[in-house]
Amino acid sequence: MTDTSFSTANIEDYFGRVQRALGSVAPAAVARIAGCFEATRVASGTIYLCGNGGSAATASHAACDLMLFPGPSEPHLRASVLSDRTPLISALSNDFSYADAFAEHLRRHAGAADVVVGVSVSGASENVLRALETGQSRGAQTVGLTGDGTARMEAGSDVYVPVPNSSIQAVEDVHMSIFHAVSLSLRHGLRGG
């Protein structure tokens, strides 16, 4: 039988990267995201999320978690994942451009009661940057989650959370941890503790 065991060195290195990346996140910034989401819930607004590739999957997972609370007596969070809408993305990309696919949706629907969340490890995804800029122009709050990020993403984000790390995977893991922390903060906040 062939030995299929692997050295733990790479695994330990990766776990160390995730720990360092998580340690770079300011809890106050995560609390600000929770505050934006709660204000949107109370105002019956919508949280619009977008990203590409793994960041699109993160946006989908986050929306799923956010829409599962609170109980029936409280107004629910509304979340819309722009990157999940394949027919609409293809139509807007065809009629405008892929870079404008998220922004065009927001031009039609986003308003002051809403939050636009852009997730981009590079901070340079043009469609995510344009979504954040469009959200701002429509009066929505904007949240940018990134790796090392860019000045343009920072400028387009009312709440900007960089996760500097050379590992794309570690940054993606921490972005999901941020959304989990926000979801838990919202749940505990509604219960008063």
C-alpha atoms as a PDB file:
ATOM      1  CA  MET A   1       0.000   0.000   0.000  1.00  0.00           C
ATOM      2  CA  THR A   2       1.266   3.480  -0.878  1.00  0.00           C
ATOM      3  CA  ASP A   3       1.867   5.941   1.930  1.00  0.00           C
ATOM      4  CA  THR A   4      -0.629   8.779   1.371  1.00  0.00           C
ATOM      5  CA  SER A   5       0.346  10.830   4.397  1.00  0.00           C
ATOM      6  CA  PHE A   6       1.463  14.404   3.907  1.00  0.00           C
ATOM      7  CA  SER A   7       3.841  16.540   5.881  1.00  0.00           C
ATOM      8  CA  THR A   8       2.080  18.880   8.287  1.00  0.00           C
ATOM      9  CA  ALA A   9       4.531  21.719   7.554  1.00  0.00           C
ATOM     10  CA  ASN A  10       2.436  23.316   4.794  1.00  0.00           C
ATOM     11  CA  ILE A  11      -0.729  22.899   6.819  1.00  0.00           C
ATOM     12  CA  GLU A  12       0.845  24.497   9.884  1.00  0.00           C
ATOM     13  CA  ASP A  13       2.161  27.326   7.693  1.00  0.00           C
ATOM     14  CA  TYR A  14      -1.310  27.936   6.267  1.00  0.00           C
ATOM     15  CA  PHE A  15      -2.987  27.911   9.675  1.00  0.00           C
ATOM     16  CA  GLY A  16      -0.377  30.431  10.830  1.00  0.00           C
ATOM     17  CA  ARG A  17      -1.234  32.688   7.868  1.00  0.00           C
ATOM     18  CA  VAL A  18      -4.926  32.533   8.752  1.00  0.00           C
ATOM     19  CA  GLN A  19      -4.187  33.371  12.388  1.00  0.00           C
ATOM     20  CA  ARG A  20      -2.025  36.359  11.387  1.00  0.00           C
ATOM     21  CA  ALA A  21      -4.650  37.556   8.901  1.00  0.00           C
ATOM     22  CA  LEU A  22      -7.394  37.284  11.503  1.00  0.00           C
ATOM     23  CA  GLY A  23      -5.229  39.193  13.967  1.00  0.00           C
ATOM     24  CA  SER A  24      -4.998  42.101  11.514  1.00  0.00           C
ATOM     25  CA  VAL A  25      -8.747  42.748  11.570  1.00  0.00           C
ATOM     26  CA  ALA A  26      -9.981  45.572  13.788  1.00  0.00           C
ATOM     27  CA  PRO A  27     -13.007  44.360  15.792  1.00  0.00           C
ATOM     28  CA  ALA A  28     -14.340  47.940  15.793  1.00  0.00           C
ATOM     29  CA  ALA A  29     -14.586  47.849  11.991  1.00  0.00           C
ATOM     30  CA  VAL A  30     -16.537  44.584  12.155  1.00  0.00           C
ATOM     31  CA  ALA A  31     -18.855  46.148  14.752  1.00  0.00           C
ATOM     32  CA  ARG A  32     -19.425  49.062  12.341  1.00  0.00           C
ATOM     33  CA  ILE A  33     -20.527  46.590   9.664  1.00  0.00           C
ATOM     34  CA  ALA A  34     -22.998  45.054  12.125  1.00  0.00           C
ATOM     35  CA  GLY A  35     -24.283  48.556  12.902  1.00  0.00           C
ATOM     36  CA  CYS A  36     -24.816  49.314   9.210  1.00  0.00           C
ATOM     37  CA  PHE A  37     -26.681  46.044   8.722  1.00  0.00           C
ATOM     38  CA  GLU A  38     -28.878  46.608  11.782  1.00  0.00           C
ATOM     39  CA  ALA A  39     -29.784  50.137  10.617  1.00  0.00           C
ATOM     40  CA  THR A  40     -30.715  48.675   7.234  1.00  0.00           C
ATOM     41  CA  ARG A  41     -32.870  46.003   8.872  1.00  0.00           C
ATOM     42  CA  VAL A  42     -34.748  48.576  10.954  1.00  0.00           C
ATOM     43  CA  ALA A  43     -35.253  50.800   7.878  1.00  0.00           C
ATOM     44  CA  SER A  44     -36.505  47.802   5.828  1.00  0.00           C
ATOM     45  CA  GLY A  45     -33.633  48.310   3.407  1.00  0.00           C
ATOM     46  CA  THR A  46     -31.626  45.742   1.503  1.00  0.00           C
ATOM     47  CA  ILE A  47     -28.035  44.587   1.832  1.00  0.00           C
ATOM     48  CA  TYR A  48     -26.603  44.148  -1.665  1.00  0.00           C
ATOM     49  CA  LEU A  49     -23.506  41.929  -1.786  1.00  0.00           C
ATOM     50  CA  CYS A  50     -21.154  41.220  -4.670  1.00  0.00           C
ATOM     51  CA  GLY A  51     -17.828  39.624  -5.494  1.00  0.00           C
ATOM     52  CA  ASN A  52     -16.120  37.433  -8.068  1.00  0.00           C
ATOM     53  CA  GLY A  53     -15.028  33.804  -7.788  1.00  0.00           C
ATOM     54  CA  GLY A  54     -14.421  32.801  -4.180  1.00  0.00           C
ATOM     55  CA  SER A  55     -15.567  36.244  -3.044  1.00  0.00           C
ATOM     56  CA  ALA A  56     -18.903  35.682  -4.816  1.00  0.00           C
ATOM     57  CA  ALA A  57     -19.269  32.448  -2.837  1.00  0.00           C
ATOM     58  CA  THR A  58     -18.464  34.353   0.359  1.00  0.00           C
ATOM     59  CA  ALA A  59     -21.166  36.906  -0.483  1.00  0.00           C
ATOM     60  CA  SER A  60     -23.699  34.094  -1.031  1.00  0.00           C
ATOM     61  CA  HIS A  61     -22.815  32.386   2.241  1.00  0.00           C
ATOM     62  CA  ALA A  62     -23.020  35.691   4.121  1.00  0.00           C
ATOM     63  CA  ALA A  63     -26.461  36.475   2.684  1.00  0.00           C
ATOM     64  CA  CYS A  64     -27.725  33.037   3.682  1.00  0.00           C
ATOM     65  CA  ASP A  65     -26.609  33.563   7.277  1.00  0.00           C
ATOM     66  CA  LEU A  66     -27.978  37.105   7.443  1.00  0.00           C
ATOM     67  CA  MET A  67     -31.438  36.224   6.169  1.00  0.00           C
ATOM     68  CA  LEU A  68     -31.948  33.438   8.724  1.00  0.00           C
ATOM     69  CA  PHE A  69     -32.712  35.784  11.603  1.00  0.00           C
ATOM     70  CA  PRO A  70     -34.397  37.265  13.602  1.00  0.00           C
ATOM     71  CA  GLY A  71     -37.524  35.574  14.865  1.00  0.00           C
ATOM     72  CA  PRO A  72     -40.975  36.078  13.371  1.00  0.00           C
ATOM     73  CA  SER A  73     -41.811  39.121  15.532  1.00  0.00           C
ATOM     74  CA  GLU A  74     -38.908  41.235  14.214  1.00  0.00           C
ATOM     75  CA  PRO A  75     -38.376  42.712  10.745  1.00  0.00           C
ATOM     76  CA  HIS A  76     -36.057  40.451   8.797  1.00  0.00           C
ATOM     77  CA  LEU A  77     -32.878  41.421   7.027  1.00  0.00           C
ATOM     78  CA  ARG A  78     -33.187  41.549   3.279  1.00  0.00           C
ATOM     79  CA  ALA A  79     -30.099  40.569   1.339  1.00  0.00           C
ATOM     80  CA  SER A  80     -29.538  40.355  -2.394  1.00  0.00           C
ATOM     81  CA  VAL A  81     -26.429  38.771  -3.867  1.00  0.00           C
ATOM     82  CA  LEU A  82     -25.768  40.543  -7.151  1.00  0.00           C
ATOM     83  CA  SER A  83     -23.199  37.962  -8.230  1.00  0.00           C
ATOM     84  CA  ASP A  84     -25.773  35.133  -7.896  1.00  0.00           C
ATOM     85  CA  ARG A  85     -28.047  36.501 -10.599  1.00  0.00           C
ATOM     86  CA  THR A  86     -26.617  34.803 -13.659  1.00  0.00           C
ATOM     87  CA  PRO A  87     -29.348  35.763 -16.170  1.00  0.00           C
ATOM     88  CA  LEU A  88     -29.310  39.394 -15.032  1.00  0.00           C
ATOM     89  CA  ILE A  89     -25.502  39.546 -14.990  1.00  0.00           C
ATOM     90  CA  SER A  90     -25.357  38.174 -18.521  1.00  0.00           C
ATOM     91  CA  ALA A  91     -28.025  40.610 -19.749  1.00  0.00           C
ATOM     92  CA  LEU A  92     -26.410  43.655 -18.152  1.00  0.00           C
ATOM     93  CA  SER A  93     -22.944  42.539 -19.262  1.00  0.00           C
ATOM     94  CA  ASN A  94     -24.219  42.161 -22.808  1.00  0.00           C
ATOM     95  CA  ASP A  95     -26.080  45.486 -22.831  1.00  0.00           C
ATOM     96  CA  PHE A  96     -23.459  47.489 -20.921  1.00  0.00           C
ATOM     97  CA  SER A  97     -20.291  45.682 -19.816  1.00  0.00           C
ATOM     98  CA  TYR A  98     -19.252  43.122 -17.237  1.00  0.00           C
ATOM     99  CA  ALA A  99     -17.584  45.941 -15.329  1.00  0.00           C
ATOM    100  CA  ASP A 100     -20.996  47.656 -15.000  1.00  0.00           C
ATOM    101  CA  ALA A 101     -23.179  44.592 -14.360  1.00  0.00           C
ATOM    102  CA  PHE A 102     -23.467  45.133 -10.583  1.00  0.00           C
ATOM    103  CA  ALA A 103     -23.553  48.932 -10.829  1.00  0.00           C
ATOM    104  CA  GLU A 104     -26.401  48.919 -13.364  1.00  0.00           C
ATOM    105  CA  HIS A 105     -28.528  46.805 -11.024  1.00  0.00           C
ATOM    106  CA  LEU A 106     -27.795  49.217  -8.165  1.00  0.00           C
ATOM    107  CA  ARG A 107     -28.619  52.272 -10.294  1.00  0.00           C
ATOM    108  CA  ARG A 108     -32.109  50.816 -10.661  1.00  0.00           C
ATOM    109  CA  HIS A 109     -32.688  49.669  -7.077  1.00  0.00           C
ATOM    110  CA  ALA A 110     -30.280  50.953  -4.384  1.00  0.00           C
ATOM    111  CA  GLY A 111     -31.248  53.798  -2.084  1.00  0.00           C
ATOM    112  CA  ALA A 112     -30.429  55.521   1.175  1.00  0.00           C
ATOM    113  CA  ALA A 113     -31.858  52.732   3.358  1.00  0.00           C
ATOM    114  CA  ASP A 114     -29.546  50.159   1.786  1.00  0.00           C
ATOM    115  CA  VAL A 115     -26.004  48.853   2.198  1.00  0.00           C
ATOM    116  CA  VAL A 116     -23.739  47.807  -0.679  1.00  0.00           C
ATOM    117  CA  VAL A 117     -21.038  45.292   0.249  1.00  0.00           C
ATOM    118  CA  GLY A 118     -18.134  44.636  -2.108  1.00  0.00           C
ATOM    119  CA  VAL A 119     -15.834  41.679  -1.469  1.00  0.00           C
ATOM    120  CA  SER A 120     -12.582  41.650  -3.445  1.00  0.00           C
ATOM    121  CA  VAL A 121      -9.330  40.082  -2.266  1.00  0.00           C
ATOM    122  CA  SER A 122      -7.327  42.273  -4.657  1.00  0.00           C
ATOM    123  CA  GLY A 123      -9.438  45.373  -4.110  1.00  0.00           C
ATOM    124  CA  ALA A 124      -9.109  45.943  -7.852  1.00  0.00           C
ATOM    125  CA  SER A 125     -12.152  44.135  -9.291  1.00  0.00           C
ATOM    126  CA  GLU A 126     -13.663  46.781 -11.542  1.00  0.00           C
ATOM    127  CA  ASN A 127     -17.239  45.527 -11.221  1.00  0.00           C
ATOM    128  CA  VAL A 128     -17.002  45.539  -7.411  1.00  0.00           C
ATOM    129  CA  LEU A 129     -15.409  48.999  -7.357  1.00  0.00           C
ATOM    130  CA  ARG A 130     -18.137  50.393  -9.599  1.00  0.00           C
ATOM    131  CA  ALA A 131     -20.785  48.789  -7.403  1.00  0.00           C
ATOM    132  CA  LEU A 132     -19.382  50.538  -4.328  1.00  0.00           C
ATOM    133  CA  GLU A 133     -19.131  53.875  -6.154  1.00  0.00           C
ATOM    134  CA  THR A 134     -22.698  53.528  -7.433  1.00  0.00           C
ATOM    135  CA  GLY A 135     -23.921  52.649  -3.951  1.00  0.00           C
ATOM    136  CA  GLN A 136     -22.348  55.826  -2.600  1.00  0.00           C
ATOM    137  CA  SER A 137     -23.871  57.913  -5.382  1.00  0.00           C
ATOM    138  CA  ARG A 138     -27.309  56.490  -4.517  1.00  0.00           C
ATOM    139  CA  GLY A 139     -26.900  57.382  -0.822  1.00  0.00           C
ATOM    140  CA  ALA A 140     -26.386  53.815   0.392  1.00  0.00           C
ATOM    141  CA  GLN A 141     -23.815  52.882   3.011  1.00  0.00           C
ATOM    142  CA  THR A 142     -20.897  50.958   1.529  1.00  0.00           C
ATOM    143  CA  VAL A 143     -18.701  48.234   2.983  1.00  0.00           C
ATOM    144  CA  GLY A 144     -15.497  47.017   1.344  1.00  0.00           C
ATOM    145  CA  LEU A 145     -13.759  43.799   2.373  1.00  0.00           C
ATOM    146  CA  THR A 146     -10.392  43.238   0.746  1.00  0.00           C
ATOM    147  CA  GLY A 147      -6.894  41.837   1.123  1.00  0.00           C
ATOM    148  CA  ASP A 148      -4.213  44.477   0.699  1.00  0.00           C
ATOM    149  CA  GLY A 149      -6.812  46.606  -1.075  1.00  0.00           C
ATOM    150  CA  THR A 150      -6.512  49.719  -3.183  1.00  0.00           C
ATOM    151  CA  ALA A 151      -6.980  53.426  -2.562  1.00  0.00           C
ATOM    152  CA  ARG A 152      -9.990  53.366  -4.855  1.00  0.00           C
ATOM    153  CA  MET A 153     -11.703  50.619  -2.853  1.00  0.00           C
ATOM    154  CA  GLU A 154     -10.991  52.451   0.371  1.00  0.00           C
ATOM    155  CA  ALA A 155     -12.448  55.668  -1.073  1.00  0.00           C
ATOM    156  CA  GLY A 156     -15.573  53.779  -2.186  1.00  0.00           C
ATOM    157  CA  SER A 157     -16.180  52.232   1.233  1.00  0.00           C
ATOM    158  CA  ASP A 158     -17.748  53.917   4.241  1.00  0.00           C
ATOM    159  CA  VAL A 159     -16.526  50.913   6.231  1.00  0.00           C
ATOM    160  CA  TYR A 160     -13.261  49.533   4.845  1.00  0.00           C
ATOM    161  CA  VAL A 161     -11.786  46.288   6.193  1.00  0.00           C
ATOM    162  CA  PRO A 162      -8.438  45.268   4.705  1.00  0.00           C
ATOM    163  CA  VAL A 163      -6.958  41.880   5.540  1.00  0.00           C
ATOM    164  CA  PRO A 164      -3.333  42.190   4.438  1.00  0.00           C
ATOM    165  CA  ASN A 165      -1.888  38.780   3.667  1.00  0.00           C
ATOM    166  CA  SER A 166      -0.083  37.171   0.746  1.00  0.00           C
ATOM    167  CA  SER A 167      -2.373  34.131   0.853  1.00  0.00           C
ATOM    168  CA  ILE A 168      -5.606  34.572  -1.124  1.00  0.00           C
ATOM    169  CA  GLN A 169      -7.084  31.593   0.699  1.00  0.00           C
ATOM    170  CA  ALA A 170      -6.299  33.042   4.134  1.00  0.00           C
ATOM    171  CA  VAL A 171      -7.930  36.346   3.171  1.00  0.00           C
ATOM    172  CA  GLU A 172     -11.022  34.527   1.909  1.00  0.00           C
ATOM    173  CA  ASP A 173     -11.225  32.539   5.154  1.00  0.00           C
ATOM    174  CA  VAL A 174     -11.013  35.715   7.212  1.00  0.00           C
ATOM    175  CA  HIS A 175     -13.663  37.454   5.101  1.00  0.00           C
ATOM    176  CA  MET A 176     -16.035  34.614   5.932  1.00  0.00           C
ATOM    177  CA  SER A 177     -15.063  34.867   9.605  1.00  0.00           C
ATOM    178  CA  ILE A 178     -15.911  38.578   9.497  1.00  0.00           C
ATOM    179  CA  PHE A 179     -19.383  37.823   8.165  1.00  0.00           C
ATOM    180  CA  HIS A 180     -19.873  35.111  10.795  1.00  0.00           C
ATOM    181  CA  ALA A 181     -18.865  37.588  13.514  1.00  0.00           C
ATOM    182  CA  VAL A 182     -21.307  40.169  12.105  1.00  0.00           C
ATOM    183  CA  SER A 183     -24.150  37.621  12.042  1.00  0.00           C
ATOM    184  CA  LEU A 184     -23.460  36.588  15.623  1.00  0.00           C
ATOM    185  CA  SER A 185     -23.212  40.222  16.746  1.00  0.00           C
ATOM    186  CA  LEU A 186     -26.577  40.978  15.181  1.00  0.00           C
ATOM    187  CA  ARG A 187     -28.187  37.960  16.828  1.00  0.00           C
ATOM    188  CA  HIS A 188     -26.771  38.801  20.263  1.00  0.00           C
ATOM    189  CA  GLY A 189     -27.582  42.488  19.839  1.00  0.00           C
ATOM    190  CA  LEU A 190     -31.243  41.684  19.240  1.00  0.00           C
ATOM    191  CA  ARG A 191     -31.288  39.523  22.360  1.00  0.00           C
ATOM    192  CA  GLY A 192     -29.685  42.320  24.394  1.00  0.00           C
ATOM    193  CA  GLY A 193     -26.441  40.629  25.304  1.00  0.00           C
END
